Amino acid sequence: MAVPQRRTSKTRKRLRRANYKFHLAGVSVCEHCGEYVKPHTVCKKCGYYDGKQVIKIGE
């Protein structure tokens, strides 16, 4: 069975994990109101999807 010859140092381990950063994946901006929305979904703030009003939001 393969066993590492030396212990992995903290620096080497942390450098390897430095690329696991949190980022907003798959977020776009609503064309009508400018709110951040997930792609291919109706905007919860204004009710628009693909430039058309799909649901009526009471104000």
Foldseek 3Di string as FASTA:
>chain_A
DDDDPDDDDPVNVVVVVVPPDDDDPQWDADPPPRDIDHPPDADPPQCDDPRHRDDHDDD
